[in-house]
């Protein structure tokens, strides 16, 4: 993900628009996109600040609601595979998820372990 534009540029863009220039003229002057100009004007109106918003995933997902459930499940049955967890999520809670997503979820929870269908 790219870095946000500096605050200095953001404030100059908004000031240029406030001087009476159009968004397209401002975009051409500062060599940014018209959408960026629109977003900065809108951001200042809504928040009063030009600070960039937090980037990336805030950590919410469809699996987050089942954190306690999966911890209890792994405590009760230590020999579960990712496929077993996936199947139980689907059967019990009606949630379908890819095994890779479940692996990343378990890793974020600190529940790292290696299991496979052969028990190795």
PDB file of N, CA and C in Angstrom:
ATOM      1  N   UNK A   1       0.845  -1.167   0.000  1.00  0.00           N
ATOM      2  CA  UNK A   1       0.000   0.000   0.000  1.00  0.00           C
ATOM      3  C   UNK A   1       0.892   1.231   0.000  1.00  0.00           C
ATOM      4  N   UNK A   2       0.521   2.229  -0.782  1.00  0.00           N
ATOM      5  CA  UNK A   2       1.329   3.434  -0.895  1.00  0.00           C
ATOM      6  C   UNK A   2       1.244   4.315   0.332  1.00  0.00           C
ATOM      7  N   UNK A   3       2.163   5.248   0.395  1.00  0.00           N
ATOM      8  CA  UNK A   3       2.167   6.191   1.508  1.00  0.00           C
ATOM      9  C   UNK A   3       1.174   7.315   1.230  1.00  0.00           C
ATOM     10  N   UNK A   4       0.571   7.886   2.257  1.00  0.00           N
ATOM     11  CA  UNK A   4      -0.323   9.021   2.055  1.00  0.00           C
ATOM     12  C   UNK A   4       0.481  10.272   1.680  1.00  0.00           C
ATOM     13  N   UNK A   5      -0.179  11.168   0.951  1.00  0.00           N
ATOM     14  CA  UNK A   5       0.470  12.428   0.600  1.00  0.00           C
ATOM     15  C   UNK A   5       0.775  13.228   1.864  1.00  0.00           C
ATOM     16  N   UNK A   6       1.844  14.025   1.836  1.00  0.00           N
ATOM     17  CA  UNK A   6       2.207  14.805   3.031  1.00  0.00           C
ATOM     18  C   UNK A   6       1.129  15.836   3.394  1.00  0.00           C
ATOM     19  N   UNK A   7       1.072  16.161   4.667  1.00  0.00           N
ATOM     20  CA  UNK A   7       0.103  17.143   5.172  1.00  0.00           C
ATOM     21  C   UNK A   7       0.307  18.488   4.474  1.00  0.00           C
ATOM     22  N   UNK A   8       1.539  18.843   4.220  1.00  0.00           N
ATOM     23  CA  UNK A   8       1.835  20.127   3.565  1.00  0.00           C
ATOM     24  C   UNK A   8       1.139  20.215   2.209  1.00  0.00           C
ATOM     25  N   UNK A   9       1.237  19.164   1.412  1.00  0.00           N
ATOM     26  CA  UNK A   9       0.577  19.146   0.106  1.00  0.00           C
ATOM     27  C   UNK A   9      -0.930  19.172   0.276  1.00  0.00           C
ATOM     28  N   UNK A  10      -1.435  18.429   1.210  1.00  0.00           N
ATOM     29  CA  UNK A  10      -2.872  18.394   1.454  1.00  0.00           C
ATOM     30  C   UNK A  10      -3.398  19.777   1.811  1.00  0.00           C
ATOM     31  N   UNK A  11      -2.688  20.484   2.669  1.00  0.00           N
ATOM     32  CA  UNK A  11      -3.159  21.808   3.089  1.00  0.00           C
ATOM     33  C   UNK A  11      -3.048  22.816   1.942  1.00  0.00           C
ATOM     34  N   UNK A  12      -2.011  22.726   1.116  1.00  0.00           N
ATOM     35  CA  UNK A  12      -1.881  23.634  -0.028  1.00  0.00           C
ATOM     36  C   UNK A  12      -2.979  23.389  -1.050  1.00  0.00           C
ATOM     37  N   UNK A  13      -3.349  22.128  -1.266  1.00  0.00           N
ATOM     38  CA  UNK A  13      -4.423  21.796  -2.200  1.00  0.00           C
ATOM     39  C   UNK A  13      -5.736  22.390  -1.724  1.00  0.00           C
ATOM     40  N   UNK A  14      -6.065  22.207  -0.459  1.00  0.00           N
ATOM     41  CA  UNK A  14      -7.329  22.730   0.077  1.00  0.00           C
ATOM     42  C   UNK A  14      -7.324  24.256   0.049  1.00  0.00           C
ATOM     43  N   UNK A  15      -6.203  24.864   0.386  1.00  0.00           N
ATOM     44  CA  UNK A  15      -6.121  26.336   0.350  1.00  0.00           C
ATOM     45  C   UNK A  15      -6.304  26.853  -1.071  1.00  0.00           C
ATOM     46  N   UNK A  16      -5.771  26.157  -2.057  1.00  0.00           N
ATOM     47  CA  UNK A  16      -5.898  26.565  -3.462  1.00  0.00           C
ATOM     48  C   UNK A  16      -7.359  26.505  -3.902  1.00  0.00           C
ATOM     49  N   UNK A  17      -8.080  25.497  -3.447  1.00  0.00           N
ATOM     50  CA  UNK A  17      -9.506  25.390  -3.759  1.00  0.00           C
ATOM     51  C   UNK A  17     -10.276  26.509  -3.070  1.00  0.00           C
ATOM     52  N   UNK A  18      -9.924  26.821  -1.823  1.00  0.00           N
ATOM     53  CA  UNK A  18     -10.611  27.883  -1.088  1.00  0.00           C
ATOM     54  C   UNK A  18     -10.387  29.253  -1.709  1.00  0.00           C
ATOM     55  N   UNK A  19      -9.301  29.419  -2.472  1.00  0.00           N
ATOM     56  CA  UNK A  19      -9.035  30.677  -3.167  1.00  0.00           C
ATOM     57  C   UNK A  19      -9.967  30.870  -4.354  1.00  0.00           C
ATOM     58  N   UNK A  20     -10.759  29.849  -4.682  1.00  0.00           N
ATOM     59  CA  UNK A  20     -11.717  29.985  -5.764  1.00  0.00           C
ATOM     60  C   UNK A  20     -11.393  29.169  -6.995  1.00  0.00           C
ATOM     61  N   UNK A  21     -10.369  28.365  -6.961  1.00  0.00           N
ATOM     62  CA  UNK A  21     -10.003  27.535  -8.101  1.00  0.00           C
ATOM     63  C   UNK A  21     -10.869  26.273  -8.137  1.00  0.00           C
ATOM     64  N   UNK A  22     -11.079  25.758  -9.339  1.00  0.00           N
ATOM     65  CA  UNK A  22     -11.854  24.530  -9.472  1.00  0.00           C
ATOM     66  C   UNK A  22     -11.017  23.335  -9.034  1.00  0.00           C
ATOM     67  N   UNK A  23     -11.694  22.243  -8.795  1.00  0.00           N
ATOM     68  CA  UNK A  23     -10.990  21.031  -8.373  1.00  0.00           C
ATOM     69  C   UNK A  23     -10.084  20.518  -9.488  1.00  0.00           C
ATOM     70  N   UNK A  24     -10.558  20.591 -10.723  1.00  0.00           N
ATOM     71  CA  UNK A  24      -9.734  20.124 -11.853  1.00  0.00           C
ATOM     72  C   UNK A  24      -8.513  21.015 -12.060  1.00  0.00           C
ATOM     73  N   UNK A  25      -8.699  22.325 -11.921  1.00  0.00           N
ATOM     74  CA  UNK A  25      -7.562  23.241 -12.064  1.00  0.00           C
ATOM     75  C   UNK A  25      -6.548  23.008 -10.945  1.00  0.00           C
ATOM     76  N   UNK A  26      -7.054  22.755  -9.757  1.00  0.00           N
ATOM     77  CA  UNK A  26      -6.176  22.468  -8.616  1.00  0.00           C
ATOM     78  C   UNK A  26      -5.400  21.172  -8.850  1.00  0.00           C
ATOM     79  N   UNK A  27      -6.091  20.166  -9.356  1.00  0.00           N
ATOM     80  CA  UNK A  27      -5.440  18.885  -9.630  1.00  0.00           C
ATOM     81  C   UNK A  27      -4.338  19.057 -10.662  1.00  0.00           C
ATOM     82  N   UNK A  28      -4.605  19.829 -11.701  1.00  0.00           N
ATOM     83  CA  UNK A  28      -3.595  20.048 -12.739  1.00  0.00           C
ATOM     84  C   UNK A  28      -2.414  20.849 -12.181  1.00  0.00           C
ATOM     85  N   UNK A  29      -2.705  21.850 -11.355  1.00  0.00           N
ATOM     86  CA  UNK A  29      -1.658  22.690 -10.790  1.00  0.00           C
ATOM     87  C   UNK A  29      -0.701  21.889  -9.903  1.00  0.00           C
ATOM     88  N   UNK A  30      -1.248  21.024  -9.076  1.00  0.00           N
ATOM     89  CA  UNK A  30      -0.420  20.261  -8.132  1.00  0.00           C
ATOM     90  C   UNK A  30      -0.045  18.870  -8.644  1.00  0.00           C
ATOM     91  N   UNK A  31      -0.480  18.549  -9.844  1.00  0.00           N
ATOM     92  CA  UNK A  31      -0.200  17.255 -10.475  1.00  0.00           C
ATOM     93  C   UNK A  31      -0.659  16.083  -9.614  1.00  0.00           C
ATOM     94  N   UNK A  32      -1.898  16.190  -9.167  1.00  0.00           N
ATOM     95  CA  UNK A  32      -2.562  15.116  -8.438  1.00  0.00           C
ATOM     96  C   UNK A  32      -3.874  14.829  -9.154  1.00  0.00           C
ATOM     97  N   UNK A  33      -4.572  13.815  -8.740  1.00  0.00           N
ATOM     98  CA  UNK A  33      -5.839  13.471  -9.388  1.00  0.00           C
ATOM     99  C   UNK A  33      -6.968  14.355  -8.865  1.00  0.00           C
ATOM    100  N   UNK A  34      -7.982  14.580  -9.692  1.00  0.00           N
ATOM    101  CA  UNK A  34      -9.150  15.325  -9.210  1.00  0.00           C
ATOM    102  C   UNK A  34      -9.814  14.637  -8.020  1.00  0.00           C
ATOM    103  N   UNK A  35      -9.776  13.306  -7.983  1.00  0.00           N
ATOM    104  CA  UNK A  35     -10.361  12.585  -6.847  1.00  0.00           C
ATOM    105  C   UNK A  35      -9.626  12.921  -5.556  1.00  0.00           C
ATOM    106  N   UNK A  36      -8.308  13.041  -5.633  1.00  0.00           N
ATOM    107  CA  UNK A  36      -7.540  13.415  -4.445  1.00  0.00           C
ATOM    108  C   UNK A  36      -7.984  14.787  -3.937  1.00  0.00           C
ATOM    109  N   UNK A  37      -8.154  15.732  -4.851  1.00  0.00           N
ATOM    110  CA  UNK A  37      -8.602  17.074  -4.463  1.00  0.00           C
ATOM    111  C   UNK A  37      -9.982  16.985  -3.824  1.00  0.00           C
ATOM    112  N   UNK A  38     -10.892  16.255  -4.463  1.00  0.00           N
ATOM    113  CA  UNK A  38     -12.243  16.096  -3.900  1.00  0.00           C
ATOM    114  C   UNK A  38     -12.179  15.473  -2.507  1.00  0.00           C
ATOM    115  N   UNK A  39     -11.373  14.434  -2.369  1.00  0.00           N
ATOM    116  CA  UNK A  39     -11.260  13.747  -1.079  1.00  0.00           C
ATOM    117  C   UNK A  39     -10.708  14.661   0.014  1.00  0.00           C
ATOM    118  N   UNK A  40      -9.723  15.498  -0.332  1.00  0.00           N
ATOM    119  CA  UNK A  40      -9.131  16.389   0.672  1.00  0.00           C
ATOM    120  C   UNK A  40     -10.124  17.461   1.111  1.00  0.00           C
ATOM    121  N   UNK A  41     -10.852  18.025   0.160  1.00  0.00           N
ATOM    122  CA  UNK A  41     -11.863  19.039   0.510  1.00  0.00           C
ATOM    123  C   UNK A  41     -12.942  18.404   1.382  1.00  0.00           C
ATOM    124  N   UNK A  42     -13.376  17.220   1.006  1.00  0.00           N
ATOM    125  CA  UNK A  42     -14.400  16.511   1.772  1.00  0.00           C
ATOM    126  C   UNK A  42     -13.887  16.147   3.169  1.00  0.00           C
ATOM    127  N   UNK A  43     -12.642  15.668   3.250  1.00  0.00           N
ATOM    128  CA  UNK A  43     -12.054  15.286   4.534  1.00  0.00           C
ATOM    129  C   UNK A  43     -11.984  16.479   5.479  1.00  0.00           C
ATOM    130  N   UNK A  44     -11.589  17.639   4.948  1.00  0.00           N
ATOM    131  CA  UNK A  44     -11.500  18.810   5.813  1.00  0.00           C
ATOM    132  C   UNK A  44     -12.876  19.265   6.282  1.00  0.00           C
ATOM    133  N   UNK A  45     -13.870  19.170   5.411  1.00  0.00           N
ATOM    134  CA  UNK A  45     -15.228  19.562   5.808  1.00  0.00           C
ATOM    135  C   UNK A  45     -15.768  18.640   6.897  1.00  0.00           C
ATOM    136  N   UNK A  46     -15.516  17.342   6.746  1.00  0.00           N
ATOM    137  CA  UNK A  46     -16.081  16.370   7.686  1.00  0.00           C
ATOM    138  C   UNK A  46     -15.345  16.311   9.013  1.00  0.00           C
ATOM    139  N   UNK A  47     -14.020  16.367   8.975  1.00  0.00           N
ATOM    140  CA  UNK A  47     -13.251  16.161  10.206  1.00  0.00           C
ATOM    141  C   UNK A  47     -12.568  17.422  10.718  1.00  0.00           C
ATOM    142  N   UNK A  48     -12.406  18.419   9.843  1.00  0.00           N
ATOM    143  CA  UNK A  48     -11.681  19.617  10.247  1.00  0.00           C
ATOM    144  C   UNK A  48     -10.177  19.415  10.247  1.00  0.00           C
ATOM    145  N   UNK A  49      -9.735  18.265   9.799  1.00  0.00           N
ATOM    146  CA  UNK A  49      -8.322  17.926   9.781  1.00  0.00           C
ATOM    147  C   UNK A  49      -7.974  17.328   8.424  1.00  0.00           C
ATOM    148  N   UNK A  50      -6.700  17.384   8.084  1.00  0.00           N
ATOM    149  CA  UNK A  50      -6.242  16.778   6.839  1.00  0.00           C
ATOM    150  C   UNK A  50      -5.336  15.573   7.098  1.00  0.00           C
ATOM    151  N   UNK A  51      -5.352  15.105   8.321  1.00  0.00           N
ATOM    152  CA  UNK A  51      -4.530  13.945   8.672  1.00  0.00           C
ATOM    153  C   UNK A  51      -5.022  12.720   7.909  1.00  0.00           C
ATOM    154  N   UNK A  52      -4.108  11.904   7.413  1.00  0.00           N
ATOM    155  CA  UNK A  52      -4.532  10.716   6.665  1.00  0.00           C
ATOM    156  C   UNK A  52      -5.238   9.712   7.567  1.00  0.00           C
ATOM    157  N   UNK A  53      -6.179   9.000   6.961  1.00  0.00           N
ATOM    158  CA  UNK A  53      -6.883   7.950   7.691  1.00  0.00           C
ATOM    159  C   UNK A  53      -5.964   6.750   7.844  1.00  0.00           C
ATOM    160  N   UNK A  54      -6.265   5.914   8.784  1.00  0.00           N
ATOM    161  CA  UNK A  54      -5.485   4.698   9.012  1.00  0.00           C
ATOM    162  C   UNK A  54      -5.618   3.795   7.800  1.00  0.00           C
ATOM    163  N   UNK A  55      -4.501   3.245   7.349  1.00  0.00           N
ATOM    164  CA  UNK A  55      -4.510   2.360   6.206  1.00  0.00           C
ATOM    165  C   UNK A  55      -4.531   0.915   6.648  1.00  0.00           C
ATOM    166  N   UNK A  56      -5.002   0.071   5.765  1.00  0.00           N
ATOM    167  CA  UNK A  56      -4.966  -1.355   6.014  1.00  0.00           C
ATOM    168  C   UNK A  56      -6.228  -1.883   6.659  1.00  0.00           C
ATOM    169  N   UNK A  57      -6.213  -3.167   6.899  1.00  0.00           N
ATOM    170  CA  UNK A  57      -7.347  -3.849   7.483  1.00  0.00           C
ATOM    171  C   UNK A  57      -7.376  -3.599   8.985  1.00  0.00           C
ATOM    172  N   UNK A  58      -8.508  -3.135   9.505  1.00  0.00           N
ATOM    173  CA  UNK A  58      -8.576  -2.889  10.943  1.00  0.00           C
ATOM    174  C   UNK A  58      -8.636  -4.152  11.792  1.00  0.00           C
ATOM    175  N   UNK A  59      -8.609  -5.304  11.176  1.00  0.00           N
ATOM    176  CA  UNK A  59      -8.568  -6.543  11.945  1.00  0.00           C
ATOM    177  C   UNK A  59      -9.911  -7.209  12.127  1.00  0.00           C
ATOM    178  N   UNK A  60     -10.942  -6.658  11.543  1.00  0.00           N
ATOM    179  CA  UNK A  60     -12.241  -7.305  11.647  1.00  0.00           C
ATOM    180  C   UNK A  60     -12.374  -8.268  10.478  1.00  0.00           C
ATOM    181  N   UNK A  61     -13.060  -9.325  10.714  1.00  0.00           N
ATOM    182  CA  UNK A  61     -13.301 -10.293   9.666  1.00  0.00           C
ATOM    183  C   UNK A  61     -14.405 -11.227  10.102  1.00  0.00           C
ATOM    184  N   UNK A  62     -14.801 -12.086   9.192  1.00  0.00           N
ATOM    185  CA  UNK A  62     -15.904 -12.969   9.542  1.00  0.00           C
ATOM    186  C   UNK A  62     -15.506 -14.024  10.562  1.00  0.00           C
ATOM    187  N   UNK A  63     -14.222 -14.276  10.727  1.00  0.00           N
ATOM    188  CA  UNK A  63     -13.782 -15.283  11.692  1.00  0.00           C
ATOM    189  C   UNK A  63     -13.578 -14.720  13.095  1.00  0.00           C
ATOM    190  N   UNK A  64     -13.469 -13.419  13.217  1.00  0.00           N
ATOM    191  CA  UNK A  64     -13.193 -12.790  14.506  1.00  0.00           C
ATOM    192  C   UNK A  64     -14.236 -13.089  15.574  1.00  0.00           C
ATOM    193  N   UNK A  65     -15.477 -13.295  15.161  1.00  0.00           N
ATOM    194  CA  UNK A  65     -16.547 -13.553  16.126  1.00  0.00           C
ATOM    195  C   UNK A  65     -16.430 -14.933  16.763  1.00  0.00           C
ATOM    196  N   UNK A  66     -15.621 -15.802  16.184  1.00  0.00           N
ATOM    197  CA  UNK A  66     -15.524 -17.179  16.664  1.00  0.00           C
ATOM    198  C   UNK A  66     -14.210 -17.460  17.390  1.00  0.00           C
ATOM    199  N   UNK A  67     -13.549 -16.419  17.861  1.00  0.00           N
ATOM    200  CA  UNK A  67     -12.255 -16.572  18.515  1.00  0.00           C
ATOM    201  C   UNK A  67     -12.342 -17.448  19.770  1.00  0.00           C
ATOM    202  N   UNK A  68     -13.286 -17.163  20.644  1.00  0.00           N
ATOM    203  CA  UNK A  68     -13.411 -17.963  21.871  1.00  0.00           C
ATOM    204  C   UNK A  68     -13.766 -19.409  21.544  1.00  0.00           C
ATOM    205  N   UNK A  69     -14.633 -19.584  20.563  1.00  0.00           N
ATOM    206  CA  UNK A  69     -15.060 -20.920  20.166  1.00  0.00           C
ATOM    207  C   UNK A  69     -13.865 -21.749  19.683  1.00  0.00           C
ATOM    208  N   UNK A  70     -13.024 -21.158  18.835  1.00  0.00           N
ATOM    209  CA  UNK A  70     -11.902 -21.926  18.290  1.00  0.00           C
ATOM    210  C   UNK A  70     -10.846 -22.201  19.362  1.00  0.00           C
ATOM    211  N   UNK A  71     -10.664 -21.289  20.307  1.00  0.00           N
ATOM    212  CA  UNK A  71      -9.717 -21.553  21.400  1.00  0.00           C
ATOM    213  C   UNK A  71     -10.180 -22.762  22.231  1.00  0.00           C
ATOM    214  N   UNK A  72     -11.471 -22.795  22.559  1.00  0.00           N
ATOM    215  CA  UNK A  72     -12.006 -23.926  23.317  1.00  0.00           C
ATOM    216  C   UNK A  72     -11.903 -25.221  22.523  1.00  0.00           C
ATOM    217  N   UNK A  73     -12.199 -25.140  21.229  1.00  0.00           N
ATOM    218  CA  UNK A  73     -12.138 -26.321  20.373  1.00  0.00           C
ATOM    219  C   UNK A  73     -10.731 -26.900  20.334  1.00  0.00           C
ATOM    220  N   UNK A  74      -9.737 -26.041  20.176  1.00  0.00           N
ATOM    221  CA  UNK A  74      -8.352 -26.517  20.108  1.00  0.00           C
ATOM    222  C   UNK A  74      -7.875 -27.033  21.461  1.00  0.00           C
ATOM    223  N   UNK A  75      -8.355 -26.430  22.555  1.00  0.00           N
ATOM    224  CA  UNK A  75      -8.009 -26.942  23.884  1.00  0.00           C
ATOM    225  C   UNK A  75      -8.587 -28.337  24.111  1.00  0.00           C
ATOM    226  N   UNK A  76      -9.810 -28.563  23.609  1.00  0.00           N
ATOM    227  CA  UNK A  76     -10.457 -29.865  23.798  1.00  0.00           C
ATOM    228  C   UNK A  76      -9.870 -30.938  22.890  1.00  0.00           C
ATOM    229  N   UNK A  77      -9.608 -30.574  21.637  1.00  0.00           N
ATOM    230  CA  UNK A  77      -9.107 -31.538  20.664  1.00  0.00           C
ATOM    231  C   UNK A  77      -7.828 -30.990  20.046  1.00  0.00           C
ATOM    232  N   UNK A  78      -6.703 -31.472  20.539  1.00  0.00           N
ATOM    233  CA  UNK A  78      -5.420 -30.916  20.111  1.00  0.00           C
ATOM    234  C   UNK A  78      -4.938 -31.439  18.769  1.00  0.00           C
ATOM    235  N   UNK A  79      -5.570 -32.474  18.231  1.00  0.00           N
ATOM    236  CA  UNK A  79      -5.089 -33.061  16.984  1.00  0.00           C
ATOM    237  C   UNK A  79      -5.917 -32.632  15.762  1.00  0.00           C
ATOM    238  N   UNK A  80      -6.580 -31.505  15.835  1.00  0.00           N
ATOM    239  CA  UNK A  80      -7.390 -31.011  14.725  1.00  0.00           C
ATOM    240  C   UNK A  80      -6.516 -30.506  13.585  1.00  0.00           C
ATOM    241  N   UNK A  81      -6.959 -30.743  12.366  1.00  0.00           N
ATOM    242  CA  UNK A  81      -6.297 -30.160  11.207  1.00  0.00           C
ATOM    243  C   UNK A  81      -7.049 -28.898  10.809  1.00  0.00           C
ATOM    244  N   UNK A  82      -6.457 -28.107   9.932  1.00  0.00           N
ATOM    245  CA  UNK A  82      -7.140 -26.920   9.431  1.00  0.00           C
ATOM    246  C   UNK A  82      -8.424 -27.300   8.709  1.00  0.00           C
ATOM    247  N   UNK A  83      -8.393 -28.415   8.000  1.00  0.00           N
ATOM    248  CA  UNK A  83      -9.597 -28.876   7.299  1.00  0.00           C
ATOM    249  C   UNK A  83     -10.705 -29.222   8.298  1.00  0.00           C
ATOM    250  N   UNK A  84     -10.336 -29.809   9.440  1.00  0.00           N
ATOM    251  CA  UNK A  84     -11.329 -30.128  10.469  1.00  0.00           C
ATOM    252  C   UNK A  84     -11.970 -28.849  11.010  1.00  0.00           C
ATOM    253  N   UNK A  85     -11.140 -27.850  11.286  1.00  0.00           N
ATOM    254  CA  UNK A  85     -11.661 -26.581  11.802  1.00  0.00           C
ATOM    255  C   UNK A  85     -12.560 -25.925  10.758  1.00  0.00           C
ATOM    256  N   UNK A  86     -12.123 -25.963   9.501  1.00  0.00           N
ATOM    257  CA  UNK A  86     -12.928 -25.394   8.410  1.00  0.00           C
ATOM    258  C   UNK A  86     -14.284 -26.087   8.328  1.00  0.00           C
ATOM    259  N   UNK A  87     -14.277 -27.407   8.387  1.00  0.00           N
ATOM    260  CA  UNK A  87     -15.522 -28.172   8.281  1.00  0.00           C
ATOM    261  C   UNK A  87     -16.456 -27.893   9.460  1.00  0.00           C
ATOM    262  N   UNK A  88     -15.898 -27.785  10.639  1.00  0.00           N
ATOM    263  CA  UNK A  88     -16.740 -27.507  11.818  1.00  0.00           C
ATOM    264  C   UNK A  88     -17.311 -26.091  11.787  1.00  0.00           C
ATOM    265  N   UNK A  89     -16.516 -25.148  11.318  1.00  0.00           N
ATOM    266  CA  UNK A  89     -17.038 -23.794  11.156  1.00  0.00           C
ATOM    267  C   UNK A  89     -18.229 -23.797  10.206  1.00  0.00           C
ATOM    268  N   UNK A  90     -18.098 -24.539   9.115  1.00  0.00           N
ATOM    269  CA  UNK A  90     -19.167 -24.606   8.130  1.00  0.00           C
ATOM    270  C   UNK A  90     -20.392 -25.326   8.696  1.00  0.00           C
ATOM    271  N   UNK A  91     -20.178 -26.461   9.348  1.00  0.00           N
ATOM    272  CA  UNK A  91     -21.289 -27.275   9.821  1.00  0.00           C
ATOM    273  C   UNK A  91     -22.004 -26.659  11.026  1.00  0.00           C
ATOM    274  N   UNK A  92     -21.240 -26.134  11.970  1.00  0.00           N
ATOM    275  CA  UNK A  92     -21.829 -25.627  13.214  1.00  0.00           C
ATOM    276  C   UNK A  92     -22.318 -24.184  13.069  1.00  0.00           C
ATOM    277  N   UNK A  93     -21.494 -23.345  12.444  1.00  0.00           N
ATOM    278  CA  UNK A  93     -21.809 -21.914  12.399  1.00  0.00           C
ATOM    279  C   UNK A  93     -22.259 -21.420  11.023  1.00  0.00           C
ATOM    280  N   UNK A  94     -22.145 -22.258  10.017  1.00  0.00           N
ATOM    281  CA  UNK A  94     -22.563 -21.858   8.677  1.00  0.00           C
ATOM    282  C   UNK A  94     -21.627 -20.860   8.020  1.00  0.00           C
ATOM    283  N   UNK A  95     -20.372 -20.841   8.450  1.00  0.00           N
ATOM    284  CA  UNK A  95     -19.385 -19.899   7.912  1.00  0.00           C
ATOM    285  C   UNK A  95     -18.391 -20.677   7.061  1.00  0.00           C
ATOM    286  N   UNK A  96     -18.256 -20.259   5.798  1.00  0.00           N
ATOM    287  CA  UNK A  96     -17.259 -20.911   4.952  1.00  0.00           C
ATOM    288  C   UNK A  96     -16.020 -20.028   4.884  1.00  0.00           C
ATOM    289  N   UNK A  97     -14.872 -20.656   5.017  1.00  0.00           N
ATOM    290  CA  UNK A  97     -13.602 -19.925   4.971  1.00  0.00           C
ATOM    291  C   UNK A  97     -12.546 -20.834   4.363  1.00  0.00           C
ATOM    292  N   UNK A  98     -11.601 -20.237   3.716  1.00  0.00           N
ATOM    293  CA  UNK A  98     -10.492 -20.984   3.117  1.00  0.00           C
ATOM    294  C   UNK A  98      -9.526 -21.402   4.218  1.00  0.00           C
ATOM    295  N   UNK A  99      -8.861 -22.541   4.014  1.00  0.00           N
ATOM    296  CA  UNK A  99      -7.914 -23.024   5.019  1.00  0.00           C
ATOM    297  C   UNK A  99      -6.808 -22.016   5.277  1.00  0.00           C
ATOM    298  N   UNK A 100      -6.373 -21.304   4.244  1.00  0.00           N
ATOM    299  CA  UNK A 100      -5.334 -20.295   4.430  1.00  0.00           C
ATOM    300  C   UNK A 100      -5.788 -19.168   5.337  1.00  0.00           C
ATOM    301  N   UNK A 101      -7.051 -18.766   5.191  1.00  0.00           N
ATOM    302  CA  UNK A 101      -7.599 -17.717   6.058  1.00  0.00           C
ATOM    303  C   UNK A 101      -7.658 -18.189   7.502  1.00  0.00           C
ATOM    304  N   UNK A 102      -8.017 -19.449   7.687  1.00  0.00           N
ATOM    305  CA  UNK A 102      -8.076 -20.007   9.046  1.00  0.00           C
ATOM    306  C   UNK A 102      -6.678 -20.077   9.638  1.00  0.00           C
ATOM    307  N   UNK A 103      -5.694 -20.464   8.831  1.00  0.00           N
ATOM    308  CA  UNK A 103      -4.318 -20.532   9.319  1.00  0.00           C
ATOM    309  C   UNK A 103      -3.832 -19.153   9.770  1.00  0.00           C
ATOM    310  N   UNK A 104      -4.078 -18.114   8.958  1.00  0.00           N
ATOM    311  CA  UNK A 104      -3.667 -16.755   9.337  1.00  0.00           C
ATOM    312  C   UNK A 104      -4.392 -16.299  10.603  1.00  0.00           C
ATOM    313  N   UNK A 105      -5.655 -16.647  10.702  1.00  0.00           N
ATOM    314  CA  UNK A 105      -6.458 -16.286  11.877  1.00  0.00           C
ATOM    315  C   UNK A 105      -5.873 -16.930  13.125  1.00  0.00           C
ATOM    316  N   UNK A 106      -5.567 -18.225  13.060  1.00  0.00           N
ATOM    317  CA  UNK A 106      -4.982 -18.924  14.210  1.00  0.00           C
ATOM    318  C   UNK A 106      -3.617 -18.353  14.566  1.00  0.00           C
ATOM    319  N   UNK A 107      -2.871 -17.995  13.555  1.00  0.00           N
ATOM    320  CA  UNK A 107      -1.541 -17.423  13.796  1.00  0.00           C
ATOM    321  C   UNK A 107      -1.641 -16.081  14.520  1.00  0.00           C
ATOM    322  N   UNK A 108      -2.610 -15.250  14.111  1.00  0.00           N
ATOM    323  CA  UNK A 108      -2.817 -13.960  14.792  1.00  0.00           C
ATOM    324  C   UNK A 108      -3.217 -14.160  16.243  1.00  0.00           C
ATOM    325  N   UNK A 109      -3.931 -15.246  16.517  1.00  0.00           N
ATOM    326  CA  UNK A 109      -4.365 -15.544  17.881  1.00  0.00           C
ATOM    327  C   UNK A 109      -3.260 -16.189  18.717  1.00  0.00           C
ATOM    328  N   UNK A 110      -2.137 -16.497  18.082  1.00  0.00           N
ATOM    329  CA  UNK A 110      -1.040 -17.139  18.793  1.00  0.00           C
ATOM    330  C   UNK A 110      -1.234 -18.629  18.935  1.00  0.00           C
ATOM    331  N   UNK A 111      -2.100 -19.222  18.135  1.00  0.00           N
ATOM    332  CA  UNK A 111      -2.370 -20.654  18.194  1.00  0.00           C
ATOM    333  C   UNK A 111      -1.648 -21.357  17.059  1.00  0.00           C
ATOM    334  N   UNK A 112      -0.333 -21.236  17.030  1.00  0.00           N
ATOM    335  CA  UNK A 112       0.454 -21.820  15.950  1.00  0.00           C
ATOM    336  C   UNK A 112       0.761 -23.272  16.265  1.00  0.00           C
ATOM    337  N   UNK A 113       0.470 -24.096  15.309  1.00  0.00           N
ATOM    338  CA  UNK A 113       0.807 -25.518  15.422  1.00  0.00           C
ATOM    339  C   UNK A 113       0.801 -26.108  14.038  1.00  0.00           C
ATOM    340  N   UNK A 114       1.476 -27.254  13.882  1.00  0.00           N
ATOM    341  CA  UNK A 114       1.497 -27.927  12.583  1.00  0.00           C
ATOM    342  C   UNK A 114       0.757 -29.245  12.728  1.00  0.00           C
ATOM    343  N   UNK A 115      -0.229 -29.389  11.886  1.00  0.00           N
ATOM    344  CA  UNK A 115      -0.970 -30.635  11.845  1.00  0.00           C
ATOM    345  C   UNK A 115      -1.250 -30.960  10.394  1.00  0.00           C
ATOM    346  N   UNK A 116      -1.381 -32.228  10.101  1.00  0.00           N
ATOM    347  CA  UNK A 116      -1.840 -32.640   8.786  1.00  0.00           C
ATOM    348  C   UNK A 116      -2.721 -33.872   8.946  1.00  0.00           C
ATOM    349  N   UNK A 117      -3.308 -34.329   7.883  1.00  0.00           N
ATOM    350  CA  UNK A 117      -4.252 -35.424   7.960  1.00  0.00           C
ATOM    351  C   UNK A 117      -3.583 -36.730   8.420  1.00  0.00           C
ATOM    352  N   UNK A 118      -2.295 -36.880   8.213  1.00  0.00           N
ATOM    353  CA  UNK A 118      -1.594 -38.096   8.624  1.00  0.00           C
ATOM    354  C   UNK A 118      -1.169 -38.078  10.088  1.00  0.00           C
ATOM    355  N   UNK A 119      -1.360 -36.982  10.751  1.00  0.00           N
ATOM    356  CA  UNK A 119      -0.991 -36.886  12.150  1.00  0.00           C
ATOM    357  C   UNK A 119       0.474 -36.655  12.395  1.00  0.00           C
ATOM    358  N   UNK A 120       1.208 -36.219  11.383  1.00  0.00           N
ATOM    359  CA  UNK A 120       2.646 -35.976  11.525  1.00  0.00           C
ATOM    360  C   UNK A 120       2.936 -34.564  11.974  1.00  0.00           C
TER     361      UNK A 120
END
